[in-house]
Amino acid sequence: MENDDIITLTTGDGQEVDFVEIAGIAYKGNFYAILQPVELLEGMDDDEALVFKVTRGRNGEDSFEIELDDDIVDGVFEEYNRLLDEQE
């Protein structure tokens, strides 16, 4: 794993969490990142990943917000799996 694939996000309480970027997916006019924590988070299995909505701020930096809408999360993973199937 290269350091370029590591994204460090800061939680609301200031804790930094490192993630590996699995994929970036365009879905319904928005861009989403599928991220897997480097160190397992409480309540997660080692094969699970999270979906974050990515937006570009005024300063040009990307902002990551965890996606909580189950329909969007499911759609992002479906699109990811469809793209994987096309590559095979």
Protein backbone atom coordinates (compact mmCIF):
# COMPACT_ATOMS: atom_id res chain seq x y z
CA MET A 1 0.00 0.00 0.00
CA GLU A 2 1.39 3.37 -1.01
CA ASN A 3 0.99 6.49 1.11
CA ASP A 4 -0.77 8.15 -1.86
CA ASP A 5 -3.71 5.83 -1.18
CA ILE A 6 -4.02 6.94 2.46
CA ILE A 7 -6.53 9.66 3.30
CA THR A 8 -6.50 11.10 6.81
CA LEU A 9 -9.85 12.47 7.99
CA THR A 10 -10.56 14.28 11.24
CA THR A 11 -13.63 13.36 13.27
CA GLY A 12 -15.89 15.92 14.90
CA ASP A 13 -14.01 15.46 18.17
CA GLY A 14 -10.61 16.05 16.54
CA GLN A 15 -9.42 12.44 16.26
CA GLU A 16 -7.52 11.63 13.05
CA VAL A 17 -8.47 8.41 11.25
CA ASP A 18 -6.50 6.98 8.30
CA PHE A 19 -8.38 5.38 5.41
CA VAL A 20 -7.36 3.52 2.28
CA GLU A 21 -9.18 4.73 -0.82
CA ILE A 22 -10.83 1.75 -2.49
CA ALA A 23 -12.56 3.65 -5.30
CA GLY A 24 -14.02 6.93 -6.44
CA ILE A 25 -17.52 6.61 -7.91
CA ALA A 26 -19.69 9.11 -9.77
CA TYR A 27 -23.30 8.45 -8.84
CA LYS A 28 -26.43 10.52 -9.53
CA GLY A 29 -24.51 13.71 -10.22
CA ASN A 30 -22.27 13.51 -7.15
CA PHE A 31 -18.86 12.01 -6.44
CA TYR A 32 -18.36 9.45 -3.70
CA ALA A 33 -15.28 7.80 -2.23
CA ILE A 34 -15.33 4.26 -0.90
CA LEU A 35 -12.88 4.25 2.00
CA GLN A 36 -11.71 1.49 4.31
CA PRO A 37 -10.15 2.35 7.68
CA VAL A 38 -6.49 1.36 8.06
CA GLU A 39 -7.21 0.30 11.64
CA LEU A 40 -10.53 -1.43 12.22
CA LEU A 41 -13.17 0.87 13.69
CA GLU A 42 -15.44 -0.30 16.48
CA GLY A 43 -18.35 -2.32 15.10
CA MET A 44 -16.78 -2.87 11.66
CA ASP A 45 -15.62 -6.11 10.07
CA ASP A 46 -12.28 -6.15 8.27
CA ASP A 47 -13.98 -6.48 4.86
CA GLU A 48 -16.28 -3.47 5.30
CA ALA A 49 -15.85 0.00 3.83
CA LEU A 50 -17.62 3.34 4.21
CA VAL A 51 -19.04 5.68 1.58
CA PHE A 52 -18.21 9.39 1.77
CA LYS A 53 -19.67 12.16 -0.37
CA VAL A 54 -16.82 14.27 -1.73
CA THR A 55 -17.24 17.97 -2.43
CA ARG A 56 -14.70 20.61 -3.38
CA GLY A 57 -14.44 23.56 -1.01
CA ARG A 58 -13.77 27.18 -1.94
CA ASN A 59 -10.09 26.71 -1.15
CA GLY A 60 -9.90 23.82 -3.65
CA GLU A 61 -9.56 21.11 -1.01
CA ASP A 62 -11.82 18.08 -1.02
CA SER A 63 -14.29 17.69 1.81
CA PHE A 64 -15.46 14.21 2.86
CA GLU A 65 -18.82 13.69 4.54
CA ILE A 66 -19.94 10.21 5.52
CA GLU A 67 -23.03 9.16 3.56
CA LEU A 68 -25.82 7.92 5.82
CA ASP A 69 -28.56 7.42 3.22
CA ASP A 70 -28.79 3.64 2.76
CA ASP A 71 -30.22 3.99 -0.75
CA ILE A 72 -27.25 6.08 -1.88
CA VAL A 73 -24.73 3.80 -0.14
CA ASP A 74 -26.30 0.75 -1.82
CA GLY A 75 -26.32 2.53 -5.19
CA VAL A 76 -22.65 3.51 -4.89
CA PHE A 77 -21.65 -0.08 -4.08
CA GLU A 78 -23.81 -1.39 -6.95
CA GLU A 79 -22.08 1.01 -9.35
CA TYR A 80 -18.67 -0.04 -7.97
CA ASN A 81 -19.51 -3.73 -8.48
CA ARG A 82 -20.82 -3.01 -12.00
CA LEU A 83 -17.54 -1.28 -12.90
CA LEU A 84 -15.56 -4.21 -11.47
CA ASP A 85 -17.60 -6.64 -13.56
CA GLU A 86 -16.90 -4.59 -16.71
CA GLN A 87 -13.16 -4.81 -16.07
CA GLU A 88 -13.21 -8.62 -15.97
